[in-house]
Amino acid sequence: MPFNFYAVLLASLVSFLVGYFWYSPKAFGTIWMQEAGITSEKAKQANRLKIITLTLFYSFLLALIMPTIVIHQMGALGMVGGDALLAKPSYAAFLTDYRDTFRTFKHGGLHGFMAGLFIALPITAINGLFEQKSWKYISIHAGYWIVSLTIMGAIICGWK
């Protein structure tokens, strides 16, 4: 397997941890609540167990797909049909030559940032536009995803 499963598990916690700080009152939480139309009373009514559980689940799904975005060697695995045991000897030779090429935290962070900028930002912006939300609201969410995916990509690509 060209990626470390423990890195995926750790990366799946990233969006939860980044969100804890990002949406805190000391960062963007107060502005986000105003832009979203959420009051403190309404926030206290939220089902925290449901939110935390589903956040961790969806973060895990994101972390599972991130290796295909941040690790170039995943393309080679895809070219052999996803099962390295059925691959021709040239696949093993390729990995011997290029196993750790571009496998750094910095490179993974770059690709994670690109995923945030070119995937998360457009999705967030389109949703915000149809919901008639402000650019502050869109920027807060998009910024959160760009930061989260950058860190997730760094962890997944750099941890071998």
C-alpha atoms as a PDB file:
ATOM      1  CA  MET A   1       0.000   0.000   0.000  1.00  0.00           C
ATOM      2  CA  PRO A   2       1.613   3.296  -1.071  1.00  0.00           C
ATOM      3  CA  PHE A   3       0.185   5.195   1.906  1.00  0.00           C
ATOM      4  CA  ASN A   4       0.259   4.795   5.658  1.00  0.00           C
ATOM      5  CA  PHE A   5      -3.144   3.960   7.160  1.00  0.00           C
ATOM      6  CA  TYR A   6      -2.167   5.557  10.480  1.00  0.00           C
ATOM      7  CA  ALA A   7      -1.493   8.790   8.606  1.00  0.00           C
ATOM      8  CA  VAL A   8      -5.034   8.606   7.210  1.00  0.00           C
ATOM      9  CA  LEU A   9      -6.424   8.097  10.718  1.00  0.00           C
ATOM     10  CA  LEU A  10      -4.455  11.050  12.078  1.00  0.00           C
ATOM     11  CA  ALA A  11      -5.408  13.216   9.094  1.00  0.00           C
ATOM     12  CA  SER A  12      -9.071  12.406   9.677  1.00  0.00           C
ATOM     13  CA  LEU A  13      -8.805  14.184  13.036  1.00  0.00           C
ATOM     14  CA  VAL A  14      -7.374  17.312  11.431  1.00  0.00           C
ATOM     15  CA  SER A  15     -10.613  18.881  10.209  1.00  0.00           C
ATOM     16  CA  PHE A  16     -12.114  18.370  13.654  1.00  0.00           C
ATOM     17  CA  LEU A  17      -9.138  19.963  15.410  1.00  0.00           C
ATOM     18  CA  VAL A  18      -8.771  22.815  12.921  1.00  0.00           C
ATOM     19  CA  GLY A  19     -12.502  23.456  13.172  1.00  0.00           C
ATOM     20  CA  TYR A  20     -12.314  23.630  16.957  1.00  0.00           C
ATOM     21  CA  PHE A  21      -9.932  26.573  16.679  1.00  0.00           C
ATOM     22  CA  TRP A  22     -11.188  28.058  13.380  1.00  0.00           C
ATOM     23  CA  TYR A  23     -14.784  28.373  14.555  1.00  0.00           C
ATOM     24  CA  SER A  24     -13.906  29.466  18.092  1.00  0.00           C
ATOM     25  CA  PRO A  25     -14.878  32.993  19.190  1.00  0.00           C
ATOM     26  CA  LYS A  26     -11.186  33.980  19.225  1.00  0.00           C
ATOM     27  CA  ALA A  27     -10.852  33.184  15.513  1.00  0.00           C
ATOM     28  CA  PHE A  28     -13.846  33.280  13.143  1.00  0.00           C
ATOM     29  CA  GLY A  29     -16.614  31.782  15.305  1.00  0.00           C
ATOM     30  CA  THR A  30     -18.391  35.006  16.181  1.00  0.00           C
ATOM     31  CA  ILE A  31     -18.351  36.300  12.603  1.00  0.00           C
ATOM     32  CA  TRP A  32     -19.430  32.899  11.280  1.00  0.00           C
ATOM     33  CA  MET A  33     -22.371  32.733  13.700  1.00  0.00           C
ATOM     34  CA  GLN A  34     -23.491  36.230  12.661  1.00  0.00           C
ATOM     35  CA  GLU A  35     -23.178  35.435   8.956  1.00  0.00           C
ATOM     36  CA  ALA A  36     -24.926  32.066   9.371  1.00  0.00           C
ATOM     37  CA  GLY A  37     -27.710  33.558  11.491  1.00  0.00           C
ATOM     38  CA  ILE A  38     -26.967  31.262  14.429  1.00  0.00           C
ATOM     39  CA  THR A  39     -27.472  32.518  17.957  1.00  0.00           C
ATOM     40  CA  SER A  40     -25.754  31.222  21.087  1.00  0.00           C
ATOM     41  CA  GLU A  41     -29.066  29.759  22.209  1.00  0.00           C
ATOM     42  CA  LYS A  42     -29.530  27.893  18.939  1.00  0.00           C
ATOM     43  CA  ALA A  43     -25.926  26.636  19.056  1.00  0.00           C
ATOM     44  CA  LYS A  44     -26.516  25.198  22.535  1.00  0.00           C
ATOM     45  CA  GLN A  45     -29.464  23.179  21.195  1.00  0.00           C
ATOM     46  CA  ALA A  46     -27.271  21.297  18.723  1.00  0.00           C
ATOM     47  CA  ASN A  47     -26.855  17.555  19.100  1.00  0.00           C
ATOM     48  CA  ARG A  48     -23.107  17.593  19.840  1.00  0.00           C
ATOM     49  CA  LEU A  49     -22.701  13.808  19.790  1.00  0.00           C
ATOM     50  CA  LYS A  50     -24.254  13.639  16.318  1.00  0.00           C
ATOM     51  CA  ILE A  51     -22.127  16.535  15.060  1.00  0.00           C
ATOM     52  CA  ILE A  52     -18.867  15.139  16.443  1.00  0.00           C
ATOM     53  CA  THR A  53     -19.567  11.588  15.262  1.00  0.00           C
ATOM     54  CA  LEU A  54     -20.529  12.609  11.743  1.00  0.00           C
ATOM     55  CA  THR A  55     -17.684  15.129  11.517  1.00  0.00           C
ATOM     56  CA  LEU A  56     -15.188  12.398  12.350  1.00  0.00           C
ATOM     57  CA  PHE A  57     -16.843  10.003   9.891  1.00  0.00           C
ATOM     58  CA  TYR A  58     -16.847  12.495   7.014  1.00  0.00           C
ATOM     59  CA  SER A  59     -13.320  13.585   7.852  1.00  0.00           C
ATOM     60  CA  PHE A  60     -12.270   9.945   7.611  1.00  0.00           C
ATOM     61  CA  LEU A  61     -13.868   9.722   4.154  1.00  0.00           C
ATOM     62  CA  LEU A  62     -11.921  12.815   3.084  1.00  0.00           C
ATOM     63  CA  ALA A  63      -8.703  11.392   4.484  1.00  0.00           C
ATOM     64  CA  LEU A  64      -9.289   8.130   2.594  1.00  0.00           C
ATOM     65  CA  ILE A  65      -9.432   9.904  -0.770  1.00  0.00           C
ATOM     66  CA  MET A  66      -6.536  12.279  -0.051  1.00  0.00           C
ATOM     67  CA  PRO A  67      -3.780   9.750  -0.935  1.00  0.00           C
ATOM     68  CA  THR A  68      -5.031   9.731  -4.524  1.00  0.00           C
ATOM     69  CA  ILE A  69      -4.637  13.514  -4.597  1.00  0.00           C
ATOM     70  CA  VAL A  70      -1.350  13.965  -2.755  1.00  0.00           C
ATOM     71  CA  ILE A  71       0.689  10.820  -3.492  1.00  0.00           C
ATOM     72  CA  HIS A  72       1.829  10.423  -7.096  1.00  0.00           C
ATOM     73  CA  GLN A  73       2.544   6.715  -6.618  1.00  0.00           C
ATOM     74  CA  MET A  74      -1.196   6.111  -6.194  1.00  0.00           C
ATOM     75  CA  GLY A  75      -1.487   6.721  -9.949  1.00  0.00           C
ATOM     76  CA  ALA A  76       0.816   3.795 -10.597  1.00  0.00           C
ATOM     77  CA  LEU A  77      -1.341   1.615  -8.363  1.00  0.00           C
ATOM     78  CA  GLY A  78      -4.394   2.718 -10.317  1.00  0.00           C
ATOM     79  CA  MET A  79      -2.694   1.799 -13.571  1.00  0.00           C
ATOM     80  CA  VAL A  80      -2.370  -1.828 -12.436  1.00  0.00           C
ATOM     81  CA  GLY A  81      -6.009  -2.024 -11.395  1.00  0.00           C
ATOM     82  CA  GLY A  82      -5.530  -1.332  -7.700  1.00  0.00           C
ATOM     83  CA  ASP A  83      -4.147  -4.723  -6.716  1.00  0.00           C
ATOM     84  CA  ALA A  84      -0.362  -4.625  -6.468  1.00  0.00           C
ATOM     85  CA  LEU A  85      -0.242  -8.425  -6.071  1.00  0.00           C
ATOM     86  CA  LEU A  86      -1.590  -8.875  -9.604  1.00  0.00           C
ATOM     87  CA  ALA A  87       0.762  -6.324 -11.162  1.00  0.00           C
ATOM     88  CA  LYS A  88       3.534  -7.164 -13.588  1.00  0.00           C
ATOM     89  CA  PRO A  89       7.143  -7.032 -12.361  1.00  0.00           C
ATOM     90  CA  SER A  90       7.530  -3.575 -13.923  1.00  0.00           C
ATOM     91  CA  TYR A  91       5.252  -2.168 -11.191  1.00  0.00           C
ATOM     92  CA  ALA A  92       7.610  -3.381  -8.456  1.00  0.00           C
ATOM     93  CA  ALA A  93      10.574  -2.011 -10.424  1.00  0.00           C
ATOM     94  CA  PHE A  94       8.825   1.355 -10.733  1.00  0.00           C
ATOM     95  CA  LEU A  95       8.178   1.530  -6.983  1.00  0.00           C
ATOM     96  CA  THR A  96      11.765   0.508  -6.275  1.00  0.00           C
ATOM     97  CA  ASP A  97      12.958   3.457  -8.353  1.00  0.00           C
ATOM     98  CA  TYR A  98      10.307   6.010  -7.306  1.00  0.00           C
ATOM     99  CA  ARG A  99       8.879   4.820  -3.960  1.00  0.00           C
ATOM    100  CA  ASP A 100       9.610   8.053  -2.060  1.00  0.00           C
ATOM    101  CA  THR A 101       9.792  10.558  -4.914  1.00  0.00           C
ATOM    102  CA  PHE A 102       7.823  13.662  -3.899  1.00  0.00           C
ATOM    103  CA  ARG A 103       6.818  11.948  -0.628  1.00  0.00           C
ATOM    104  CA  THR A 104       7.346  14.905   1.702  1.00  0.00           C
ATOM    105  CA  PHE A 105       5.171  16.863   4.091  1.00  0.00           C
ATOM    106  CA  LYS A 106       5.814  19.977   1.997  1.00  0.00           C
ATOM    107  CA  HIS A 107       4.744  18.324  -1.261  1.00  0.00           C
ATOM    108  CA  GLY A 108       1.636  16.822   0.347  1.00  0.00           C
ATOM    109  CA  GLY A 109       0.774  20.192   1.822  1.00  0.00           C
ATOM    110  CA  LEU A 110       1.049  21.773  -1.631  1.00  0.00           C
ATOM    111  CA  HIS A 111      -1.344  19.238  -3.146  1.00  0.00           C
ATOM    112  CA  GLY A 112      -3.672  19.510  -0.148  1.00  0.00           C
ATOM    113  CA  PHE A 113      -3.688  23.289  -0.584  1.00  0.00           C
ATOM    114  CA  MET A 114      -4.466  22.845  -4.282  1.00  0.00           C
ATOM    115  CA  ALA A 115      -7.354  20.511  -3.394  1.00  0.00           C
ATOM    116  CA  GLY A 116      -8.691  23.124  -1.017  1.00  0.00           C
ATOM    117  CA  LEU A 117      -8.304  25.945  -3.536  1.00  0.00           C
ATOM    118  CA  PHE A 118      -9.578  24.101  -6.619  1.00  0.00           C
ATOM    119  CA  ILE A 119     -12.127  21.689  -5.082  1.00  0.00           C
ATOM    120  CA  ALA A 120     -13.322  22.929  -1.672  1.00  0.00           C
ATOM    121  CA  LEU A 121     -13.411  26.656  -2.481  1.00  0.00           C
ATOM    122  CA  PRO A 122     -15.569  26.295  -5.614  1.00  0.00           C
ATOM    123  CA  ILE A 123     -17.959  23.876  -3.871  1.00  0.00           C
ATOM    124  CA  THR A 124     -18.237  26.145  -0.847  1.00  0.00           C
ATOM    125  CA  ALA A 125     -18.692  29.247  -3.006  1.00  0.00           C
ATOM    126  CA  ILE A 126     -21.370  27.664  -5.198  1.00  0.00           C
ATOM    127  CA  ASN A 127     -23.327  26.513  -2.144  1.00  0.00           C
ATOM    128  CA  GLY A 128     -22.948  29.921  -0.506  1.00  0.00           C
ATOM    129  CA  LEU A 129     -24.102  31.754  -3.624  1.00  0.00           C
ATOM    130  CA  PHE A 130     -27.265  29.660  -3.914  1.00  0.00           C
ATOM    131  CA  GLU A 131     -27.908  30.039  -0.182  1.00  0.00           C
ATOM    132  CA  GLN A 132     -27.458  33.807  -0.659  1.00  0.00           C
ATOM    133  CA  LYS A 133     -24.702  33.917   1.934  1.00  0.00           C
ATOM    134  CA  SER A 134     -22.138  36.678   2.223  1.00  0.00           C
ATOM    135  CA  TRP A 135     -18.556  36.486   0.975  1.00  0.00           C
ATOM    136  CA  LYS A 136     -17.479  36.580   4.638  1.00  0.00           C
ATOM    137  CA  TYR A 137     -19.425  33.376   5.245  1.00  0.00           C
ATOM    138  CA  ILE A 138     -18.018  31.751   2.091  1.00  0.00           C
ATOM    139  CA  SER A 139     -14.458  32.863   2.903  1.00  0.00           C
ATOM    140  CA  ILE A 140     -14.608  31.516   6.450  1.00  0.00           C
ATOM    141  CA  HIS A 141     -15.719  28.072   5.270  1.00  0.00           C
ATOM    142  CA  ALA A 142     -13.393  27.977   2.261  1.00  0.00           C
ATOM    143  CA  GLY A 143     -10.449  29.090   4.394  1.00  0.00           C
ATOM    144  CA  TYR A 144     -11.206  26.368   6.905  1.00  0.00           C
ATOM    145  CA  TRP A 145     -11.196  23.712   4.178  1.00  0.00           C
ATOM    146  CA  ILE A 146      -8.057  25.040   2.522  1.00  0.00           C
ATOM    147  CA  VAL A 147      -6.188  24.926   5.844  1.00  0.00           C
ATOM    148  CA  SER A 148      -7.613  21.511   6.776  1.00  0.00           C
ATOM    149  CA  LEU A 149      -6.840  19.890   3.426  1.00  0.00           C
ATOM    150  CA  THR A 150      -3.346  21.404   3.387  1.00  0.00           C
ATOM    151  CA  ILE A 151      -2.553  19.809   6.751  1.00  0.00           C
ATOM    152  CA  MET A 152      -4.247  16.542   5.811  1.00  0.00           C
ATOM    153  CA  GLY A 153      -2.265  16.364   2.574  1.00  0.00           C
ATOM    154  CA  ALA A 154       1.008  17.064   4.388  1.00  0.00           C
ATOM    155  CA  ILE A 155       0.394  14.293   6.922  1.00  0.00           C
ATOM    156  CA  ILE A 156      -0.729  11.702   4.382  1.00  0.00           C
ATOM    157  CA  CYS A 157       2.023  12.352   1.844  1.00  0.00           C
ATOM    158  CA  GLY A 158       4.862  12.933   4.301  1.00  0.00           C
ATOM    159  CA  TRP A 159       4.248  10.043   6.689  1.00  0.00           C
ATOM    160  CA  LYS A 160       5.725   6.954   5.068  1.00  0.00           C
END
